Amino acid sequence: MREKGYTIIERNFRVRGGEIDIIVLKCEILVFVEVKTLPNGSPEMLAAVLNSRKQEKIIKTAKCYLQNHRQYSNKIIRFDVLAIDVPGLEPVHHIVNAFSE
């Protein structure tokens, strides 16, 4: 993420019921990043792992983060996924705007 110009704000942000792997900032965009490693998986398995229930947990956790970090309230919010070691994809596959609320 740093190589792409993002500033890492926080890693492994946890609240009851959820976790966000990485929170980064680039310009006016605050990005909540889910990291998935599936060395024996597939792009289809990645989609199944990031089902709507998982997305809802990430979104809920992001809202908790924003409630406690009001300095980011004027930023554009985005949810990305980093897929690592998924056969059929590049070694670190960055899915920009992977899902939204």
PDB file of N, CA and C in Angstrom:
ATOM      1  N   MET A   1       0.832  -1.186   0.000  1.00  0.00           N
ATOM      2  CA  MET A   1       0.000   0.000   0.000  1.00  0.00           C
ATOM      3  C   MET A   1       0.881   1.255   0.000  1.00  0.00           C
ATOM      4  N   ARG A   2       1.968   1.208   0.759  1.00  0.00           N
ATOM      5  CA  ARG A   2       2.875   2.366   0.778  1.00  0.00           C
ATOM      6  C   ARG A   2       3.443   2.641  -0.605  1.00  0.00           C
ATOM      7  N   GLU A   3       3.790   1.569  -1.329  1.00  0.00           N
ATOM      8  CA  GLU A   3       4.347   1.734  -2.672  1.00  0.00           C
ATOM      9  C   GLU A   3       3.366   2.411  -3.623  1.00  0.00           C
ATOM     10  N   LYS A   4       2.082   2.309  -3.328  1.00  0.00           N
ATOM     11  CA  LYS A   4       1.055   2.931  -4.164  1.00  0.00           C
ATOM     12  C   LYS A   4       0.675   4.326  -3.664  1.00  0.00           C
ATOM     13  N   GLY A   5       1.401   4.832  -2.672  1.00  0.00           N
ATOM     14  CA  GLY A   5       1.168   6.192  -2.193  1.00  0.00           C
ATOM     15  C   GLY A   5       0.201   6.327  -1.036  1.00  0.00           C
ATOM     16  N   TYR A   6      -0.163   5.225  -0.414  1.00  0.00           N
ATOM     17  CA  TYR A   6      -1.077   5.267   0.733  1.00  0.00           C
ATOM     18  C   TYR A   6      -0.275   5.449   2.015  1.00  0.00           C
ATOM     19  N   THR A   7      -0.862   6.125   2.981  1.00  0.00           N
ATOM     20  CA  THR A   7      -0.292   6.268   4.315  1.00  0.00           C
ATOM     21  C   THR A   7      -1.051   5.332   5.240  1.00  0.00           C
ATOM     22  N   ILE A   8      -0.338   4.459   5.911  1.00  0.00           N
ATOM     23  CA  ILE A   8      -0.991   3.533   6.830  1.00  0.00           C
ATOM     24  C   ILE A   8      -1.334   4.277   8.111  1.00  0.00           C
ATOM     25  N   ILE A   9      -2.618   4.266   8.445  1.00  0.00           N
ATOM     26  CA  ILE A   9      -3.120   4.953   9.638  1.00  0.00           C
ATOM     27  C   ILE A   9      -3.165   3.989  10.824  1.00  0.00           C
ATOM     28  N   GLU A  10      -3.638   2.779  10.546  1.00  0.00           N
ATOM     29  CA  GLU A  10      -3.782   1.805  11.634  1.00  0.00           C
ATOM     30  C   GLU A  10      -3.819   0.394  11.056  1.00  0.00           C
ATOM     31  N   ARG A  11      -3.388  -0.554  11.880  1.00  0.00           N
ATOM     32  CA  ARG A  11      -3.441  -1.976  11.514  1.00  0.00           C
ATOM     33  C   ARG A  11      -4.201  -2.727  12.595  1.00  0.00           C
ATOM     34  N   ASN A  12      -4.941  -3.726  12.170  1.00  0.00           N
ATOM     35  CA  ASN A  12      -5.664  -4.611  13.089  1.00  0.00           C
ATOM     36  C   ASN A  12      -6.536  -3.846  14.087  1.00  0.00           C
ATOM     37  N   PHE A  13      -7.354  -2.939  13.571  1.00  0.00           N
ATOM     38  CA  PHE A  13      -8.306  -2.216  14.417  1.00  0.00           C
ATOM     39  C   PHE A  13      -9.416  -3.185  14.820  1.00  0.00           C
ATOM     40  N   ARG A  14      -9.621  -3.313  16.129  1.00  0.00           N
ATOM     41  CA  ARG A  14     -10.607  -4.264  16.636  1.00  0.00           C
ATOM     42  C   ARG A  14     -11.615  -3.599  17.552  1.00  0.00           C
ATOM     43  N   VAL A  15     -12.841  -4.037  17.407  1.00  0.00           N
ATOM     44  CA  VAL A  15     -13.912  -3.718  18.344  1.00  0.00           C
ATOM     45  C   VAL A  15     -14.689  -5.015  18.548  1.00  0.00           C
ATOM     46  N   ARG A  16     -15.569  -5.006  19.529  1.00  0.00           N
ATOM     47  CA  ARG A  16     -16.385  -6.204  19.740  1.00  0.00           C
ATOM     48  C   ARG A  16     -17.160  -6.504  18.454  1.00  0.00           C
ATOM     49  N   GLY A  17     -16.947  -7.688  17.933  1.00  0.00           N
ATOM     50  CA  GLY A  17     -17.698  -8.109  16.756  1.00  0.00           C
ATOM     51  C   GLY A  17     -17.058  -7.809  15.417  1.00  0.00           C
ATOM     52  N   GLY A  18     -15.851  -7.229  15.407  1.00  0.00           N
ATOM     53  CA  GLY A  18     -15.255  -6.954  14.106  1.00  0.00           C
ATOM     54  C   GLY A  18     -13.810  -6.510  14.162  1.00  0.00           C
ATOM     55  N   GLU A  19     -13.174  -6.625  13.005  1.00  0.00           N
ATOM     56  CA  GLU A  19     -11.784  -6.198  12.867  1.00  0.00           C
ATOM     57  C   GLU A  19     -11.567  -5.696  11.448  1.00  0.00           C
ATOM     58  N   ILE A  20     -10.731  -4.675  11.339  1.00  0.00           N
ATOM     59  CA  ILE A  20     -10.295  -4.191  10.030  1.00  0.00           C
ATOM     60  C   ILE A  20      -8.788  -4.365   9.996  1.00  0.00           C
ATOM     61  N   ASP A  21      -8.308  -5.030   8.943  1.00  0.00           N
ATOM     62  CA  ASP A  21      -6.898  -5.381   8.868  1.00  0.00           C
ATOM     63  C   ASP A  21      -5.996  -4.157   8.738  1.00  0.00           C
ATOM     64  N   ILE A  22      -6.314  -3.277   7.791  1.00  0.00           N
ATOM     65  CA  ILE A  22      -5.482  -2.084   7.563  1.00  0.00           C
ATOM     66  C   ILE A  22      -6.391  -0.905   7.255  1.00  0.00           C
ATOM     67  N   ILE A  23      -6.044   0.242   7.799  1.00  0.00           N
ATOM     68  CA  ILE A  23      -6.730   1.493   7.468  1.00  0.00           C
ATOM     69  C   ILE A  23      -5.677   2.419   6.885  1.00  0.00           C
ATOM     70  N   VAL A  24      -5.926   2.901   5.665  1.00  0.00           N
ATOM     71  CA  VAL A  24      -4.952   3.746   4.975  1.00  0.00           C
ATOM     72  C   VAL A  24      -5.620   5.025   4.487  1.00  0.00           C
ATOM     73  N   LEU A  25      -4.776   6.002   4.198  1.00  0.00           N
ATOM     74  CA  LEU A  25      -5.255   7.290   3.707  1.00  0.00           C
ATOM     75  C   LEU A  25      -4.466   7.669   2.464  1.00  0.00           C
ATOM     76  N   LYS A  26      -5.192   8.148   1.464  1.00  0.00           N
ATOM     77  CA  LYS A  26      -4.552   8.672   0.262  1.00  0.00           C
ATOM     78  C   LYS A  26      -5.385   9.850  -0.208  1.00  0.00           C
ATOM     79  N   CYS A  27      -4.765  11.005  -0.207  1.00  0.00           N
ATOM     80  CA  CYS A  27      -5.456  12.261  -0.545  1.00  0.00           C
ATOM     81  C   CYS A  27      -6.665  12.415   0.367  1.00  0.00           C
ATOM     82  N   GLU A  28      -7.840  12.491  -0.191  1.00  0.00           N
ATOM     83  CA  GLU A  28      -9.058  12.684   0.603  1.00  0.00           C
ATOM     84  C   GLU A  28      -9.835  11.390   0.793  1.00  0.00           C
ATOM     85  N   ILE A  29      -9.179  10.250   0.585  1.00  0.00           N
ATOM     86  CA  ILE A  29      -9.863   8.960   0.664  1.00  0.00           C
ATOM     87  C   ILE A  29      -9.324   8.143   1.831  1.00  0.00           C
ATOM     88  N   LEU A  30     -10.218   7.750   2.724  1.00  0.00           N
ATOM     89  CA  LEU A  30      -9.884   6.858   3.821  1.00  0.00           C
ATOM     90  C   LEU A  30     -10.330   5.460   3.390  1.00  0.00           C
ATOM     91  N   VAL A  31      -9.386   4.526   3.377  1.00  0.00           N
ATOM     92  CA  VAL A  31      -9.655   3.191   2.845  1.00  0.00           C
ATOM     93  C   VAL A  31      -9.538   2.159   3.956  1.00  0.00           C
ATOM     94  N   PHE A  32     -10.587   1.357   4.101  1.00  0.00           N
ATOM     95  CA  PHE A  32     -10.595   0.232   5.019  1.00  0.00           C
ATOM     96  C   PHE A  32     -10.274  -1.003   4.180  1.00  0.00           C
ATOM     97  N   VAL A  33      -9.195  -1.697   4.549  1.00  0.00           N
ATOM     98  CA  VAL A  33      -8.677  -2.777   3.715  1.00  0.00           C
ATOM     99  C   VAL A  33      -8.812  -4.122   4.429  1.00  0.00           C
ATOM    100  N   GLU A  34      -9.442  -5.053   3.750  1.00  0.00           N
ATOM    101  CA  GLU A  34      -9.524  -6.435   4.214  1.00  0.00           C
ATOM    102  C   GLU A  34      -8.446  -7.222   3.477  1.00  0.00           C
ATOM    103  N   VAL A  35      -7.636  -7.971   4.223  1.00  0.00           N
ATOM    104  CA  VAL A  35      -6.570  -8.768   3.624  1.00  0.00           C
ATOM    105  C   VAL A  35      -6.971 -10.235   3.702  1.00  0.00           C
ATOM    106  N   LYS A  36      -6.944 -10.906   2.568  1.00  0.00           N
ATOM    107  CA  LYS A  36      -7.282 -12.322   2.511  1.00  0.00           C
ATOM    108  C   LYS A  36      -6.150 -13.085   1.843  1.00  0.00           C
ATOM    109  N   THR A  37      -5.694 -14.155   2.498  1.00  0.00           N
ATOM    110  CA  THR A  37      -4.676 -15.040   1.942  1.00  0.00           C
ATOM    111  C   THR A  37      -5.336 -16.382   1.671  1.00  0.00           C
ATOM    112  N   LEU A  38      -5.327 -16.794   0.411  1.00  0.00           N
ATOM    113  CA  LEU A  38      -5.954 -18.058   0.016  1.00  0.00           C
ATOM    114  C   LEU A  38      -5.037 -18.820  -0.941  1.00  0.00           C
ATOM    115  N   PRO A  39      -3.919 -19.371  -0.442  1.00  0.00           N
ATOM    116  CA  PRO A  39      -2.976 -20.034  -1.341  1.00  0.00           C
ATOM    117  C   PRO A  39      -3.550 -21.255  -2.046  1.00  0.00           C
ATOM    118  N   ASN A  40      -4.573 -21.867  -1.485  1.00  0.00           N
ATOM    119  CA  ASN A  40      -5.207 -23.026  -2.123  1.00  0.00           C
ATOM    120  C   ASN A  40      -6.608 -22.693  -2.607  1.00  0.00           C
ATOM    121  N   GLY A  41      -6.895 -21.405  -2.714  1.00  0.00           N
ATOM    122  CA  GLY A  41      -8.230 -20.969  -3.080  1.00  0.00           C
ATOM    123  C   GLY A  41      -8.359 -20.644  -4.553  1.00  0.00           C
ATOM    124  N   SER A  42      -9.350 -19.826  -4.832  1.00  0.00           N
ATOM    125  CA  SER A  42      -9.624 -19.389  -6.193  1.00  0.00           C
ATOM    126  C   SER A  42     -10.338 -18.053  -6.110  1.00  0.00           C
ATOM    127  N   PRO A  43     -10.452 -17.330  -7.229  1.00  0.00           N
ATOM    128  CA  PRO A  43     -11.226 -16.081  -7.200  1.00  0.00           C
ATOM    129  C   PRO A  43     -12.664 -16.306  -6.727  1.00  0.00           C
ATOM    130  N   GLU A  44     -13.240 -17.447  -7.070  1.00  0.00           N
ATOM    131  CA  GLU A  44     -14.603 -17.755  -6.629  1.00  0.00           C
ATOM    132  C   GLU A  44     -14.661 -17.947  -5.114  1.00  0.00           C
ATOM    133  N   MET A  45     -13.644 -18.608  -4.561  1.00  0.00           N
ATOM    134  CA  MET A  45     -13.587 -18.813  -3.118  1.00  0.00           C
ATOM    135  C   MET A  45     -13.415 -17.477  -2.400  1.00  0.00           C
ATOM    136  N   LEU A  46     -12.634 -16.589  -3.001  1.00  0.00           N
ATOM    137  CA  LEU A  46     -12.452 -15.252  -2.434  1.00  0.00           C
ATOM    138  C   LEU A  46     -13.795 -14.547  -2.324  1.00  0.00           C
ATOM    139  N   ALA A  47     -14.605 -14.637  -3.372  1.00  0.00           N
ATOM    140  CA  ALA A  47     -15.935 -14.013  -3.350  1.00  0.00           C
ATOM    141  C   ALA A  47     -16.802 -14.626  -2.256  1.00  0.00           C
ATOM    142  N   ALA A  48     -16.711 -15.926  -2.062  1.00  0.00           N
ATOM    143  CA  ALA A  48     -17.508 -16.599  -1.038  1.00  0.00           C
ATOM    144  C   ALA A  48     -17.069 -16.193   0.368  1.00  0.00           C
ATOM    145  N   VAL A  49     -15.760 -16.046   0.557  1.00  0.00           N
ATOM    146  CA  VAL A  49     -15.231 -15.656   1.864  1.00  0.00           C
ATOM    147  C   VAL A  49     -15.646 -14.230   2.217  1.00  0.00           C
ATOM    148  N   LEU A  50     -15.738 -13.390   1.202  1.00  0.00           N
ATOM    149  CA  LEU A  50     -16.137 -11.988   1.421  1.00  0.00           C
ATOM    150  C   LEU A  50     -17.627 -11.806   1.146  1.00  0.00           C
ATOM    151  N   ASN A  51     -18.432 -12.678   1.719  1.00  0.00           N
ATOM    152  CA  ASN A  51     -19.872 -12.621   1.506  1.00  0.00           C
ATOM    153  C   ASN A  51     -20.494 -11.389   2.164  1.00  0.00           C
ATOM    154  N   SER A  52     -21.779 -11.216   1.976  1.00  0.00           N
ATOM    155  CA  SER A  52     -22.443 -10.012   2.482  1.00  0.00           C
ATOM    156  C   SER A  52     -22.369  -9.902   4.001  1.00  0.00           C
ATOM    157  N   ARG A  53     -22.374 -11.019   4.709  1.00  0.00           N
ATOM    158  CA  ARG A  53     -22.266 -10.975   6.171  1.00  0.00           C
ATOM    159  C   ARG A  53     -20.913 -10.410   6.596  1.00  0.00           C
ATOM    160  N   LYS A  54     -19.837 -10.871   5.955  1.00  0.00           N
ATOM    161  CA  LYS A  54     -18.489 -10.369   6.259  1.00  0.00           C
ATOM    162  C   LYS A  54     -18.389  -8.889   5.918  1.00  0.00           C
ATOM    163  N   GLN A  55     -18.952  -8.497   4.790  1.00  0.00           N
ATOM    164  CA  GLN A  55     -18.930  -7.091   4.393  1.00  0.00           C
ATOM    165  C   GLN A  55     -19.665  -6.226   5.413  1.00  0.00           C
ATOM    166  N   GLU A  56     -20.805  -6.694   5.899  1.00  0.00           N
ATOM    167  CA  GLU A  56     -21.570  -5.942   6.905  1.00  0.00           C
ATOM    168  C   GLU A  56     -20.758  -5.758   8.181  1.00  0.00           C
ATOM    169  N   LYS A  57     -20.017  -6.788   8.597  1.00  0.00           N
ATOM    170  CA  LYS A  57     -19.172  -6.680   9.794  1.00  0.00           C
ATOM    171  C   LYS A  57     -18.084  -5.640   9.595  1.00  0.00           C
ATOM    172  N   ILE A  58     -17.483  -5.638   8.423  1.00  0.00           N
ATOM    173  CA  ILE A  58     -16.427  -4.666   8.133  1.00  0.00           C
ATOM    174  C   ILE A  58     -17.000  -3.251   8.129  1.00  0.00           C
ATOM    175  N   ILE A  59     -18.142  -3.066   7.509  1.00  0.00           N
ATOM    176  CA  ILE A  59     -18.779  -1.748   7.455  1.00  0.00           C
ATOM    177  C   ILE A  59     -19.144  -1.270   8.853  1.00  0.00           C
ATOM    178  N   LYS A  60     -19.707  -2.149   9.665  1.00  0.00           N
ATOM    179  CA  LYS A  60     -20.068  -1.793  11.044  1.00  0.00           C
ATOM    180  C   LYS A  60     -18.827  -1.398  11.841  1.00  0.00           C
ATOM    181  N   THR A  61     -17.746  -2.145  11.670  1.00  0.00           N
ATOM    182  CA  THR A  61     -16.495  -1.843  12.360  1.00  0.00           C
ATOM    183  C   THR A  61     -15.924  -0.511  11.882  1.00  0.00           C
ATOM    184  N   ALA A  62     -16.027  -0.235  10.583  1.00  0.00           N
ATOM    185  CA  ALA A  62     -15.556   1.042  10.041  1.00  0.00           C
ATOM    186  C   ALA A  62     -16.341   2.205  10.652  1.00  0.00           C
ATOM    187  N   LYS A  63     -17.626   2.023  10.842  1.00  0.00           N
ATOM    188  CA  LYS A  63     -18.443   3.076  11.462  1.00  0.00           C
ATOM    189  C   LYS A  63     -17.997   3.337  12.896  1.00  0.00           C
ATOM    190  N   CYS A  64     -17.649   2.280  13.624  1.00  0.00           N
ATOM    191  CA  CYS A  64     -17.125   2.453  14.988  1.00  0.00           C
ATOM    192  C   CYS A  64     -15.828   3.244  14.956  1.00  0.00           C
ATOM    193  N   TYR A  65     -14.967   2.911  14.000  1.00  0.00           N
ATOM    194  CA  TYR A  65     -13.702   3.632  13.868  1.00  0.00           C
ATOM    195  C   TYR A  65     -13.962   5.119  13.625  1.00  0.00           C
ATOM    196  N   LEU A  66     -14.873   5.412  12.710  1.00  0.00           N
ATOM    197  CA  LEU A  66     -15.159   6.808  12.366  1.00  0.00           C
ATOM    198  C   LEU A  66     -15.789   7.570  13.525  1.00  0.00           C
ATOM    199  N   GLN A  67     -16.574   6.894  14.357  1.00  0.00           N
ATOM    200  CA  GLN A  67     -17.151   7.557  15.532  1.00  0.00           C
ATOM    201  C   GLN A  67     -16.070   8.000  16.509  1.00  0.00           C
ATOM    202  N   ASN A  68     -14.994   7.219  16.580  1.00  0.00           N
ATOM    203  CA  ASN A  68     -13.913   7.524  17.515  1.00  0.00           C
ATOM    204  C   ASN A  68     -12.780   8.326  16.901  1.00  0.00           C
ATOM    205  N   HIS A  69     -12.829   8.561  15.597  1.00  0.00           N
ATOM    206  CA  HIS A  69     -11.774   9.302  14.896  1.00  0.00           C
ATOM    207  C   HIS A  69     -12.431  10.332  13.978  1.00  0.00           C
ATOM    208  N   ARG A  70     -13.021  11.321  14.594  1.00  0.00           N
ATOM    209  CA  ARG A  70     -13.816  12.312  13.867  1.00  0.00           C
ATOM    210  C   ARG A  70     -12.994  13.162  12.889  1.00  0.00           C
ATOM    211  N   GLN A  71     -11.675  13.139  13.021  1.00  0.00           N
ATOM    212  CA  GLN A  71     -10.839  13.911  12.106  1.00  0.00           C
ATOM    213  C   GLN A  71     -10.962  13.412  10.666  1.00  0.00           C
ATOM    214  N   TYR A  72     -11.520  12.211  10.482  1.00  0.00           N
ATOM    215  CA  TYR A  72     -11.688  11.657   9.135  1.00  0.00           C
ATOM    216  C   TYR A  72     -13.117  11.793   8.617  1.00  0.00           C
ATOM    217  N   SER A  73     -13.961  12.515   9.336  1.00  0.00           N
ATOM    218  CA  SER A  73     -15.378  12.605   8.970  1.00  0.00           C
ATOM    219  C   SER A  73     -15.619  13.277   7.621  1.00  0.00           C
ATOM    220  N   ASN A  74     -14.676  14.073   7.155  1.00  0.00           N
ATOM    221  CA  ASN A  74     -14.856  14.756   5.867  1.00  0.00           C
ATOM    222  C   ASN A  74     -14.202  14.003   4.705  1.00  0.00           C
ATOM    223  N   LYS A  75     -13.699  12.811   4.973  1.00  0.00           N
ATOM    224  CA  LYS A  75     -13.014  12.022   3.938  1.00  0.00           C
ATOM    225  C   LYS A  75     -14.007  11.150   3.167  1.00  0.00           C
ATOM    226  N   ILE A  76     -13.639  10.830   1.952  1.00  0.00           N
ATOM    227  CA  ILE A  76     -14.368   9.833   1.176  1.00  0.00           C
ATOM    228  C   ILE A  76     -13.983   8.474   1.744  1.00  0.00           C
ATOM    229  N   ILE A  77     -14.951   7.585   1.903  1.00  0.00           N
ATOM    230  CA  ILE A  77     -14.712   6.268   2.489  1.00  0.00           C
ATOM    231  C   ILE A  77     -14.782   5.217   1.385  1.00  0.00           C
ATOM    232  N   ARG A  78     -13.849   4.270   1.459  1.00  0.00           N
ATOM    233  CA  ARG A  78     -13.814   3.200   0.470  1.00  0.00           C
ATOM    234  C   ARG A  78     -13.413   1.894   1.157  1.00  0.00           C
ATOM    235  N   PHE A  79     -13.884   0.778   0.605  1.00  0.00           N
ATOM    236  CA  PHE A  79     -13.556  -0.541   1.124  1.00  0.00           C
ATOM    237  C   PHE A  79     -12.830  -1.320   0.033  1.00  0.00           C
ATOM    238  N   ASP A  80     -11.576  -1.671   0.298  1.00  0.00           N
ATOM    239  CA  ASP A  80     -10.744  -2.414  -0.646  1.00  0.00           C
ATOM    240  C   ASP A  80     -10.422  -3.793  -0.076  1.00  0.00           C
ATOM    241  N   VAL A  81      -9.944  -4.670  -0.957  1.00  0.00           N
ATOM    242  CA  VAL A  81      -9.500  -5.999  -0.549  1.00  0.00           C
ATOM    243  C   VAL A  81      -8.123  -6.239  -1.146  1.00  0.00           C
ATOM    244  N   LEU A  82      -7.221  -6.775  -0.327  1.00  0.00           N
ATOM    245  CA  LEU A  82      -5.934  -7.270  -0.812  1.00  0.00           C
ATOM    246  C   LEU A  82      -6.005  -8.790  -0.771  1.00  0.00           C
ATOM    247  N   ALA A  83      -5.982  -9.410  -1.938  1.00  0.00           N
ATOM    248  CA  ALA A  83      -5.992 -10.874  -2.035  1.00  0.00           C
ATOM    249  C   ALA A  83      -4.557 -11.327  -2.261  1.00  0.00           C
ATOM    250  N   ILE A  84      -4.071 -12.147  -1.352  1.00  0.00           N
ATOM    251  CA  ILE A  84      -2.669 -12.573  -1.399  1.00  0.00           C
ATOM    252  C   ILE A  84      -2.604 -14.064  -1.703  1.00  0.00           C
ATOM    253  N   ASP A  85      -1.759 -14.397  -2.659  1.00  0.00           N
ATOM    254  CA  ASP A  85      -1.500 -15.798  -3.023  1.00  0.00           C
ATOM    255  C   ASP A  85      -2.745 -16.552  -3.477  1.00  0.00           C
ATOM    256  N   VAL A  86      -3.633 -15.892  -4.189  1.00  0.00           N
ATOM    257  CA  VAL A  86      -4.803 -16.570  -4.737  1.00  0.00           C
ATOM    258  C   VAL A  86      -4.441 -17.056  -6.142  1.00  0.00           C
ATOM    259  N   PRO A  87      -4.481 -18.375  -6.378  1.00  0.00           N
ATOM    260  CA  PRO A  87      -4.162 -18.881  -7.713  1.00  0.00           C
ATOM    261  C   PRO A  87      -5.031 -18.226  -8.783  1.00  0.00           C
ATOM    262  N   GLY A  88      -4.398 -17.840  -9.874  1.00  0.00           N
ATOM    263  CA  GLY A  88      -5.118 -17.185 -10.956  1.00  0.00           C
ATOM    264  C   GLY A  88      -5.069 -15.672 -10.887  1.00  0.00           C
ATOM    265  N   LEU A  89      -4.557 -15.133  -9.779  1.00  0.00           N
ATOM    266  CA  LEU A  89      -4.414 -13.682  -9.612  1.00  0.00           C
ATOM    267  C   LEU A  89      -2.941 -13.368  -9.369  1.00  0.00           C
ATOM    268  N   GLU A  90      -2.553 -12.092  -9.551  1.00  0.00           N
ATOM    269  CA  GLU A  90      -1.176 -11.718  -9.240  1.00  0.00           C
ATOM    270  C   GLU A  90      -0.924 -11.942  -7.743  1.00  0.00           C
ATOM    271  N   PRO A  91       0.344 -12.055  -7.317  1.00  0.00           N
ATOM    272  CA  PRO A  91       0.656 -12.403  -5.919  1.00  0.00           C
ATOM    273  C   PRO A  91      -0.041 -11.522  -4.881  1.00  0.00           C
ATOM    274  N   VAL A  92      -0.108 -10.218  -5.144  1.00  0.00           N
ATOM    275  CA  VAL A  92      -0.872  -9.315  -4.285  1.00  0.00           C
ATOM    276  C   VAL A  92      -1.849  -8.590  -5.204  1.00  0.00           C
ATOM    277  N   HIS A  93      -3.094  -9.021  -5.139  1.00  0.00           N
ATOM    278  CA  HIS A  93      -4.139  -8.479  -6.024  1.00  0.00           C
ATOM    279  C   HIS A  93      -4.961  -7.456  -5.233  1.00  0.00           C
ATOM    280  N   HIS A  94      -4.899  -6.196  -5.657  1.00  0.00           N
ATOM    281  CA  HIS A  94      -5.600  -5.111  -4.975  1.00  0.00           C
ATOM    282  C   HIS A  94      -6.938  -4.871  -5.666  1.00  0.00           C
ATOM    283  N   ILE A  95      -8.016  -5.137  -4.952  1.00  0.00           N
ATOM    284  CA  ILE A  95      -9.366  -4.893  -5.470  1.00  0.00           C
ATOM    285  C   ILE A  95      -9.828  -3.562  -4.897  1.00  0.00           C
ATOM    286  N   VAL A  96      -9.818  -2.548  -5.728  1.00  0.00           N
ATOM    287  CA  VAL A  96     -10.219  -1.195  -5.310  1.00  0.00           C
ATOM    288  C   VAL A  96     -11.740  -1.126  -5.288  1.00  0.00           C
ATOM    289  N   ASN A  97     -12.273  -0.525  -4.221  1.00  0.00           N
ATOM    290  CA  ASN A  97     -13.726  -0.364  -4.080  1.00  0.00           C
ATOM    291  C   ASN A  97     -14.427  -1.719  -4.244  1.00  0.00           C
ATOM    292  N   ALA A  98     -13.965  -2.699  -3.491  1.00  0.00           N
ATOM    293  CA  ALA A  98     -14.453  -4.067  -3.602  1.00  0.00           C
ATOM    294  C   ALA A  98     -15.934  -4.208  -3.237  1.00  0.00           C
ATOM    295  N   PHE A  99     -16.391  -3.380  -2.305  1.00  0.00           N
ATOM    296  CA  PHE A  99     -17.801  -3.375  -1.906  1.00  0.00           C
ATOM    297  C   PHE A  99     -18.122  -2.036  -1.286  1.00  0.00           C
ATOM    298  N   SER A 100     -19.406  -1.800  -1.087  1.00  0.00           N
ATOM    299  CA  SER A 100     -19.836  -0.559  -0.443  1.00  0.00           C
ATOM    300  C   SER A 100     -21.036  -0.847   0.444  1.00  0.00           C
ATOM    301  N   GLU A 101     -21.409   0.137   1.208  1.00  0.00           N
ATOM    302  CA  GLU A 101     -22.536  -0.038   2.126  1.00  0.00           C
ATOM    303  C   GLU A 101     -23.830  -0.145   1.369  1.00  0.00           C
TER     304      GLU A 101
END
